[in-house]
């Protein structure tokens, strides 16, 4: 059985993560999504509403991409792409 203090700490950490993610996701979907993906710059309100939960959960990765200045989606890495021709 998990101690109550540990459970409360885990809940606080998850709540903090989601709070930061929610605070990040709104400006991301409005202004910064188009910076990372040129196609997203022309997205509709419905598109922005759809990416809001994902941006809230994946905010650390999106922050890193924004800080690095990535301007296009990353190249997919699969076994077929890595295979020598």
PDB file of N, CA and C in Angstrom:
ATOM      1  N   UNK A   1       0.841  -1.175   0.000  1.00  0.00           N
ATOM      2  CA  UNK A   1       0.000   0.000   0.000  1.00  0.00           C
ATOM      3  C   UNK A   1       0.887   1.239   0.000  1.00  0.00           C
ATOM      4  N   UNK A   2       0.521   2.228  -0.774  1.00  0.00           N
ATOM      5  CA  UNK A   2       1.310   3.449  -0.923  1.00  0.00           C
ATOM      6  C   UNK A   2       1.003   4.412   0.230  1.00  0.00           C
ATOM      7  N   UNK A   3       2.041   4.994   0.809  1.00  0.00           N
ATOM      8  CA  UNK A   3       1.799   5.959   1.895  1.00  0.00           C
ATOM      9  C   UNK A   3       1.032   7.182   1.388  1.00  0.00           C
ATOM     10  N   UNK A   4       0.228   7.740   2.250  1.00  0.00           N
ATOM     11  CA  UNK A   4      -0.616   8.872   1.886  1.00  0.00           C
ATOM     12  C   UNK A   4       0.212  10.072   1.443  1.00  0.00           C
ATOM     13  N   UNK A   5       1.333  10.328   2.093  1.00  0.00           N
ATOM     14  CA  UNK A   5       2.181  11.464   1.734  1.00  0.00           C
ATOM     15  C   UNK A   5       2.747  11.312   0.320  1.00  0.00           C
ATOM     16  N   UNK A   6       3.143  10.096  -0.020  1.00  0.00           N
ATOM     17  CA  UNK A   6       3.675   9.840  -1.356  1.00  0.00           C
ATOM     18  C   UNK A   6       2.581  10.015  -2.415  1.00  0.00           C
ATOM     19  N   UNK A   7       1.400   9.508  -2.134  1.00  0.00           N
ATOM     20  CA  UNK A   7       0.285   9.660  -3.069  1.00  0.00           C
ATOM     21  C   UNK A   7      -0.056  11.138  -3.260  1.00  0.00           C
ATOM     22  N   UNK A   8      -0.071  11.893  -2.176  1.00  0.00           N
ATOM     23  CA  UNK A   8      -0.373  13.323  -2.278  1.00  0.00           C
ATOM     24  C   UNK A   8       0.702  14.047  -3.080  1.00  0.00           C
ATOM     25  N   UNK A   9       1.956  13.661  -2.918  1.00  0.00           N
ATOM     26  CA  UNK A   9       3.045  14.277  -3.680  1.00  0.00           C
ATOM     27  C   UNK A   9       2.917  13.970  -5.168  1.00  0.00           C
ATOM     28  N   UNK A  10       2.557  12.746  -5.488  1.00  0.00           N
ATOM     29  CA  UNK A  10       2.384  12.367  -6.893  1.00  0.00           C
ATOM     30  C   UNK A  10       1.241  13.157  -7.513  1.00  0.00           C
ATOM     31  N   UNK A  11       0.144  13.290  -6.793  1.00  0.00           N
ATOM     32  CA  UNK A  11      -0.995  14.053  -7.300  1.00  0.00           C
ATOM     33  C   UNK A  11      -0.606  15.511  -7.501  1.00  0.00           C
ATOM     34  N   UNK A  12       0.167  16.087  -6.578  1.00  0.00           N
ATOM     35  CA  UNK A  12       0.612  17.485  -6.727  1.00  0.00           C
ATOM     36  C   UNK A  12       1.527  17.642  -7.936  1.00  0.00           C
ATOM     37  N   UNK A  13       2.427  16.702  -8.147  1.00  0.00           N
ATOM     38  CA  UNK A  13       3.322  16.769  -9.310  1.00  0.00           C
ATOM     39  C   UNK A  13       2.539  16.685 -10.621  1.00  0.00           C
ATOM     40  N   UNK A  14       1.611  15.764 -10.704  1.00  0.00           N
ATOM     41  CA  UNK A  14       0.801  15.619 -11.926  1.00  0.00           C
ATOM     42  C   UNK A  14      -0.057  16.867 -12.135  1.00  0.00           C
ATOM     43  N   UNK A  15      -0.634  17.389 -11.057  1.00  0.00           N
ATOM     44  CA  UNK A  15      -1.452  18.602 -11.175  1.00  0.00           C
ATOM     45  C   UNK A  15      -0.602  19.786 -11.631  1.00  0.00           C
ATOM     46  N   UNK A  16       0.605  19.906 -11.111  1.00  0.00           N
ATOM     47  CA  UNK A  16       1.503  20.977 -11.538  1.00  0.00           C
ATOM     48  C   UNK A  16       1.893  20.847 -12.995  1.00  0.00           C
ATOM     49  N   UNK A  17       2.188  19.620 -13.423  1.00  0.00           N
ATOM     50  CA  UNK A  17       2.529  19.365 -14.823  1.00  0.00           C
ATOM     51  C   UNK A  17       1.371  19.771 -15.735  1.00  0.00           C
ATOM     52  N   UNK A  18       0.163  19.372 -15.370  1.00  0.00           N
ATOM     53  CA  UNK A  18      -1.003  19.706 -16.185  1.00  0.00           C
ATOM     54  C   UNK A  18      -1.327  21.193 -16.143  1.00  0.00           C
ATOM     55  N   UNK A  19      -1.092  21.832 -15.014  1.00  0.00           N
ATOM     56  CA  UNK A  19      -1.327  23.274 -14.909  1.00  0.00           C
ATOM     57  C   UNK A  19      -0.364  24.036 -15.823  1.00  0.00           C
ATOM     58  N   UNK A  20       0.901  23.668 -15.783  1.00  0.00           N
ATOM     59  CA  UNK A  20       1.882  24.301 -16.674  1.00  0.00           C
ATOM     60  C   UNK A  20       1.519  24.015 -18.128  1.00  0.00           C
ATOM     61  N   UNK A  21       1.141  22.770 -18.421  1.00  0.00           N
ATOM     62  CA  UNK A  21       0.772  22.401 -19.781  1.00  0.00           C
ATOM     63  C   UNK A  21      -0.435  23.161 -20.292  1.00  0.00           C
ATOM     64  N   UNK A  22      -1.419  23.362 -19.434  1.00  0.00           N
ATOM     65  CA  UNK A  22      -2.596  24.123 -19.835  1.00  0.00           C
ATOM     66  C   UNK A  22      -2.228  25.574 -20.087  1.00  0.00           C
ATOM     67  N   UNK A  23      -1.398  26.134 -19.234  1.00  0.00           N
ATOM     68  CA  UNK A  23      -0.955  27.511 -19.434  1.00  0.00           C
ATOM     69  C   UNK A  23      -0.125  27.685 -20.697  1.00  0.00           C
ATOM     70  N   UNK A  24       0.623  26.667 -21.066  1.00  0.00           N
ATOM     71  CA  UNK A  24       1.443  26.728 -22.276  1.00  0.00           C
ATOM     72  C   UNK A  24       0.618  26.479 -23.536  1.00  0.00           C
ATOM     73  N   UNK A  25      -0.340  25.562 -23.453  1.00  0.00           N
ATOM     74  CA  UNK A  25      -1.037  25.115 -24.662  1.00  0.00           C
ATOM     75  C   UNK A  25      -1.890  26.198 -25.316  1.00  0.00           C
ATOM     76  N   UNK A  26      -2.459  27.092 -24.525  1.00  0.00           N
ATOM     77  CA  UNK A  26      -3.307  28.131 -25.129  1.00  0.00           C
ATOM     78  C   UNK A  26      -2.486  29.070 -26.012  1.00  0.00           C
ATOM     79  N   UNK A  27      -1.405  29.697 -25.498  1.00  0.00           N
ATOM     80  CA  UNK A  27      -0.617  30.534 -26.410  1.00  0.00           C
ATOM     81  C   UNK A  27       0.047  29.735 -27.530  1.00  0.00           C
ATOM     82  N   UNK A  28       0.391  28.472 -27.258  1.00  0.00           N
ATOM     83  CA  UNK A  28       1.009  27.660 -28.298  1.00  0.00           C
ATOM     84  C   UNK A  28       0.065  27.483 -29.475  1.00  0.00           C
ATOM     85  N   UNK A  29      -1.181  27.115 -29.203  1.00  0.00           N
ATOM     86  CA  UNK A  29      -2.109  26.871 -30.305  1.00  0.00           C
ATOM     87  C   UNK A  29      -2.470  28.153 -31.037  1.00  0.00           C
ATOM     88  N   UNK A  30      -2.450  29.283 -30.343  1.00  0.00           N
ATOM     89  CA  UNK A  30      -2.821  30.541 -30.989  1.00  0.00           C
ATOM     90  C   UNK A  30      -1.663  31.112 -31.806  1.00  0.00           C
ATOM     91  N   UNK A  31      -0.459  31.147 -31.245  1.00  0.00           N
ATOM     92  CA  UNK A  31       0.653  31.847 -31.901  1.00  0.00           C
ATOM     93  C   UNK A  31       1.799  30.957 -32.370  1.00  0.00           C
ATOM     94  N   UNK A  32       2.204  29.968 -31.579  1.00  0.00           N
ATOM     95  CA  UNK A  32       3.458  29.283 -31.838  1.00  0.00           C
ATOM     96  C   UNK A  32       3.348  28.027 -32.688  1.00  0.00           C
ATOM     97  N   UNK A  33       2.182  27.447 -32.843  1.00  0.00           N
ATOM     98  CA  UNK A  33       2.055  26.213 -33.630  1.00  0.00           C
ATOM     99  C   UNK A  33       2.472  26.460 -35.076  1.00  0.00           C
ATOM    100  N   UNK A  34       2.132  27.613 -35.609  1.00  0.00           N
ATOM    101  CA  UNK A  34       2.517  27.941 -36.976  1.00  0.00           C
ATOM    102  C   UNK A  34       4.004  28.131 -37.152  1.00  0.00           C
ATOM    103  N   UNK A  35       4.708  28.429 -36.064  1.00  0.00           N
ATOM    104  CA  UNK A  35       6.153  28.578 -36.139  1.00  0.00           C
ATOM    105  C   UNK A  35       6.833  27.216 -36.284  1.00  0.00           C
ATOM    106  N   UNK A  36       6.256  26.181 -35.661  1.00  0.00           N
ATOM    107  CA  UNK A  36       6.852  24.842 -35.732  1.00  0.00           C
ATOM    108  C   UNK A  36       6.443  24.083 -36.989  1.00  0.00           C
ATOM    109  N   UNK A  37       5.258  24.360 -37.488  1.00  0.00           N
ATOM    110  CA  UNK A  37       4.766  23.658 -38.675  1.00  0.00           C
ATOM    111  C   UNK A  37       4.056  24.663 -39.570  1.00  0.00           C
ATOM    112  N   UNK A  38       4.600  24.938 -40.745  1.00  0.00           N
ATOM    113  CA  UNK A  38       4.001  25.942 -41.630  1.00  0.00           C
ATOM    114  C   UNK A  38       2.548  25.646 -41.999  1.00  0.00           C
ATOM    115  N   UNK A  39       2.175  24.384 -42.076  1.00  0.00           N
ATOM    116  CA  UNK A  39       0.802  24.028 -42.402  1.00  0.00           C
ATOM    117  C   UNK A  39      -0.138  24.417 -41.258  1.00  0.00           C
ATOM    118  N   UNK A  40       0.342  24.314 -40.029  1.00  0.00           N
ATOM    119  CA  UNK A  40      -0.480  24.665 -38.866  1.00  0.00           C
ATOM    120  C   UNK A  40      -0.760  26.158 -38.806  1.00  0.00           C
ATOM    121  N   UNK A  41       0.029  26.958 -39.478  1.00  0.00           N
ATOM    122  CA  UNK A  41      -0.197  28.401 -39.481  1.00  0.00           C
ATOM    123  C   UNK A  41      -1.528  28.746 -40.119  1.00  0.00           C
ATOM    124  N   UNK A  42      -2.024  27.887 -40.991  1.00  0.00           N
ATOM    125  CA  UNK A  42      -3.288  28.137 -41.680  1.00  0.00           C
ATOM    126  C   UNK A  42      -4.425  27.305 -41.094  1.00  0.00           C
ATOM    127  N   UNK A  43      -4.217  26.761 -39.885  1.00  0.00           N
ATOM    128  CA  UNK A  43      -5.230  25.913 -39.262  1.00  0.00           C
ATOM    129  C   UNK A  43      -6.452  26.701 -38.803  1.00  0.00           C
ATOM    130  N   UNK A  44      -7.579  26.042 -38.826  1.00  0.00           N
ATOM    131  CA  UNK A  44      -8.831  26.657 -38.403  1.00  0.00           C
ATOM    132  C   UNK A  44      -8.962  26.606 -36.882  1.00  0.00           C
ATOM    133  N   UNK A  45     -10.011  27.212 -36.370  1.00  0.00           N
ATOM    134  CA  UNK A  45     -10.265  27.158 -34.917  1.00  0.00           C
ATOM    135  C   UNK A  45     -10.486  25.723 -34.457  1.00  0.00           C
ATOM    136  N   UNK A  46     -11.171  24.937 -35.281  1.00  0.00           N
ATOM    137  CA  UNK A  46     -11.393  23.531 -34.941  1.00  0.00           C
ATOM    138  C   UNK A  46     -10.092  22.760 -34.834  1.00  0.00           C
ATOM    139  N   UNK A  47      -9.169  23.011 -35.759  1.00  0.00           N
ATOM    140  CA  UNK A  47      -7.852  22.369 -35.707  1.00  0.00           C
ATOM    141  C   UNK A  47      -7.129  22.762 -34.429  1.00  0.00           C
ATOM    142  N   UNK A  48      -7.156  24.031 -34.098  1.00  0.00           N
ATOM    143  CA  UNK A  48      -6.463  24.500 -32.894  1.00  0.00           C
ATOM    144  C   UNK A  48      -7.091  23.901 -31.637  1.00  0.00           C
ATOM    145  N   UNK A  49      -8.405  23.729 -31.640  1.00  0.00           N
ATOM    146  CA  UNK A  49      -9.075  23.099 -30.515  1.00  0.00           C
ATOM    147  C   UNK A  49      -8.664  21.631 -30.391  1.00  0.00           C
ATOM    148  N   UNK A  50      -8.463  20.966 -31.518  1.00  0.00           N
ATOM    149  CA  UNK A  50      -8.048  19.562 -31.497  1.00  0.00           C
ATOM    150  C   UNK A  50      -6.621  19.374 -30.983  1.00  0.00           C
ATOM    151  N   UNK A  51      -5.716  20.301 -31.286  1.00  0.00           N
ATOM    152  CA  UNK A  51      -4.330  20.120 -30.842  1.00  0.00           C
ATOM    153  C   UNK A  51      -4.101  20.624 -29.422  1.00  0.00           C
ATOM    154  N   UNK A  52      -5.084  21.298 -28.836  1.00  0.00           N
ATOM    155  CA  UNK A  52      -4.943  21.840 -27.484  1.00  0.00           C
ATOM    156  C   UNK A  52      -4.602  20.775 -26.434  1.00  0.00           C
ATOM    157  N   UNK A  53      -5.319  19.640 -26.349  1.00  0.00           N
ATOM    158  CA  UNK A  53      -4.960  18.635 -25.338  1.00  0.00           C
ATOM    159  C   UNK A  53      -3.569  18.038 -25.545  1.00  0.00           C
ATOM    160  N   UNK A  54      -3.213  17.794 -26.803  1.00  0.00           N
ATOM    161  CA  UNK A  54      -1.880  17.245 -27.080  1.00  0.00           C
ATOM    162  C   UNK A  54      -0.779  18.205 -26.693  1.00  0.00           C
ATOM    163  N   UNK A  55      -0.998  19.495 -26.951  1.00  0.00           N
ATOM    164  CA  UNK A  55      -0.003  20.493 -26.570  1.00  0.00           C
ATOM    165  C   UNK A  55       0.108  20.602 -25.054  1.00  0.00           C
ATOM    166  N   UNK A  56      -1.004  20.421 -24.359  1.00  0.00           N
ATOM    167  CA  UNK A  56      -0.969  20.478 -22.896  1.00  0.00           C
ATOM    168  C   UNK A  56      -0.192  19.301 -22.311  1.00  0.00           C
ATOM    169  N   UNK A  57      -0.283  18.144 -22.941  1.00  0.00           N
ATOM    170  CA  UNK A  57       0.418  16.968 -22.428  1.00  0.00           C
ATOM    171  C   UNK A  57       1.867  16.883 -22.905  1.00  0.00           C
ATOM    172  N   UNK A  58       2.154  17.373 -24.092  1.00  0.00           N
ATOM    173  CA  UNK A  58       3.503  17.267 -24.661  1.00  0.00           C
ATOM    174  C   UNK A  58       4.278  18.577 -24.579  1.00  0.00           C
ATOM    175  N   UNK A  59       3.905  19.453 -23.647  1.00  0.00           N
ATOM    176  CA  UNK A  59       4.509  20.782 -23.594  1.00  0.00           C
ATOM    177  C   UNK A  59       6.024  20.772 -23.430  1.00  0.00           C
ATOM    178  N   UNK A  60       6.647  19.847 -22.691  1.00  0.00           N
ATOM    179  CA  UNK A  60       8.121  19.910 -22.606  1.00  0.00           C
ATOM    180  C   UNK A  60       8.793  19.723 -23.973  1.00  0.00           C
ATOM    181  N   UNK A  61       8.278  18.811 -24.778  1.00  0.00           N
ATOM    182  CA  UNK A  61       8.865  18.593 -26.111  1.00  0.00           C
ATOM    183  C   UNK A  61       8.652  19.802 -27.014  1.00  0.00           C
ATOM    184  N   UNK A  62       7.480  20.395 -26.928  1.00  0.00           N
ATOM    185  CA  UNK A  62       7.190  21.560 -27.763  1.00  0.00           C
ATOM    186  C   UNK A  62       8.020  22.765 -27.337  1.00  0.00           C
ATOM    187  N   UNK A  63       8.236  22.923 -26.048  1.00  0.00           N
ATOM    188  CA  UNK A  63       9.088  24.020 -25.565  1.00  0.00           C
ATOM    189  C   UNK A  63      10.510  23.843 -26.090  1.00  0.00           C
ATOM    190  N   UNK A  64      11.024  22.618 -26.047  1.00  0.00           N
ATOM    191  CA  UNK A  64      12.373  22.365 -26.561  1.00  0.00           C
ATOM    192  C   UNK A  64      12.468  22.687 -28.049  1.00  0.00           C
ATOM    193  N   UNK A  65      11.459  22.291 -28.814  1.00  0.00           N
ATOM    194  CA  UNK A  65      11.480  22.597 -30.250  1.00  0.00           C
ATOM    195  C   UNK A  65      11.419  24.089 -30.500  1.00  0.00           C
ATOM    196  N   UNK A  66      10.638  24.810 -29.698  1.00  0.00           N
ATOM    197  CA  UNK A  66      10.571  26.266 -29.858  1.00  0.00           C
ATOM    198  C   UNK A  66      11.899  26.920 -29.500  1.00  0.00           C
ATOM    199  N   UNK A  67      12.528  26.451 -28.422  1.00  0.00           N
ATOM    200  CA  UNK A  67      13.807  27.028 -27.999  1.00  0.00           C
ATOM    201  C   UNK A  67      14.924  26.735 -28.995  1.00  0.00           C
ATOM    202  N   UNK A  68      14.884  25.553 -29.614  1.00  0.00           N
ATOM    203  CA  UNK A  68      15.899  25.213 -30.622  1.00  0.00           C
ATOM    204  C   UNK A  68      15.669  25.943 -31.931  1.00  0.00           C
ATOM    205  N   UNK A  69      14.466  26.462 -32.128  1.00  0.00           N
ATOM    206  CA  UNK A  69      14.168  27.177 -33.360  1.00  0.00           C
ATOM    207  C   UNK A  69      13.805  26.275 -34.514  1.00  0.00           C
ATOM    208  N   UNK A  70      13.323  25.071 -34.222  1.00  0.00           N
ATOM    209  CA  UNK A  70      12.883  24.171 -35.293  1.00  0.00           C
ATOM    210  C   UNK A  70      11.729  24.815 -36.038  1.00  0.00           C
ATOM    211  N   UNK A  71      11.798  24.798 -37.357  1.00  0.00           N
ATOM    212  CA  UNK A  71      10.747  25.431 -38.150  1.00  0.00           C
ATOM    213  C   UNK A  71      10.007  24.448 -39.039  1.00  0.00           C
ATOM    214  N   UNK A  72      10.298  23.177 -38.921  1.00  0.00           N
ATOM    215  CA  UNK A  72       9.572  22.183 -39.706  1.00  0.00           C
ATOM    216  C   UNK A  72       9.435  20.916 -38.869  1.00  0.00           C
ATOM    217  N   UNK A  73       8.462  20.070 -39.197  1.00  0.00           N
ATOM    218  CA  UNK A  73       8.294  18.822 -38.445  1.00  0.00           C
ATOM    219  C   UNK A  73       9.545  17.952 -38.557  1.00  0.00           C
ATOM    220  N   UNK A  74       9.843  17.177 -37.523  1.00  0.00           N
ATOM    221  CA  UNK A  74      11.030  16.322 -37.586  1.00  0.00           C
ATOM    222  C   UNK A  74      10.868  15.225 -38.630  1.00  0.00           C
ATOM    223  N   UNK A  75      11.986  14.780 -39.181  1.00  0.00           N
ATOM    224  CA  UNK A  75      11.986  13.702 -40.168  1.00  0.00           C
ATOM    225  C   UNK A  75      11.658  12.397 -39.453  1.00  0.00           C
ATOM    226  N   UNK A  76      10.779  11.631 -40.033  1.00  0.00           N
ATOM    227  CA  UNK A  76      10.395  10.349 -39.459  1.00  0.00           C
ATOM    228  C   UNK A  76      11.584   9.394 -39.531  1.00  0.00           C
ATOM    229  N   UNK A  77      11.862   8.698 -38.434  1.00  0.00           N
ATOM    230  CA  UNK A  77      12.962   7.739 -38.405  1.00  0.00           C
ATOM    231  C   UNK A  77      12.387   6.333 -38.355  1.00  0.00           C
ATOM    232  N   UNK A  78      12.472   5.627 -39.452  1.00  0.00           N
ATOM    233  CA  UNK A  78      11.985   4.253 -39.512  1.00  0.00           C
ATOM    234  C   UNK A  78      13.087   3.360 -40.066  1.00  0.00           C
ATOM    235  N   UNK A  79      12.866   2.073 -39.993  1.00  0.00           N
ATOM    236  CA  UNK A  79      13.851   1.126 -40.514  1.00  0.00           C
ATOM    237  C   UNK A  79      14.022   1.286 -42.019  1.00  0.00           C
ATOM    238  N   UNK A  80      12.961   1.669 -42.702  1.00  0.00           N
ATOM    239  CA  UNK A  80      13.040   1.827 -44.148  1.00  0.00           C
ATOM    240  C   UNK A  80      13.865   3.051 -44.537  1.00  0.00           C
ATOM    241  N   UNK A  81      13.760   4.127 -43.773  1.00  0.00           N
ATOM    242  CA  UNK A  81      14.537   5.330 -44.092  1.00  0.00           C
ATOM    243  C   UNK A  81      16.018   5.115 -43.769  1.00  0.00           C
ATOM    244  N   UNK A  82      16.319   4.329 -42.739  1.00  0.00           N
ATOM    245  CA  UNK A  82      17.696   4.112 -42.338  1.00  0.00           C
ATOM    246  C   UNK A  82      18.412   3.057 -43.162  1.00  0.00           C
ATOM    247  N   UNK A  83      17.687   2.342 -43.982  1.00  0.00           N
ATOM    248  CA  UNK A  83      18.265   1.279 -44.786  1.00  0.00           C
ATOM    249  C   UNK A  83      19.107   1.850 -45.912  1.00  0.00           C
ATOM    250  N   UNK A  84      20.345   1.370 -46.068  1.00  0.00           N
ATOM    251  CA  UNK A  84      21.186   1.872 -47.167  1.00  0.00           C
ATOM    252  C   UNK A  84      20.622   1.480 -48.526  1.00  0.00           C
ATOM    253  N   UNK A  85      20.806   2.335 -49.467  1.00  0.00           N
ATOM    254  CA  UNK A  85      20.271   2.101 -50.819  1.00  0.00           C
ATOM    255  C   UNK A  85      21.280   1.374 -51.667  1.00  0.00           C
TER     256      UNK A  85
END
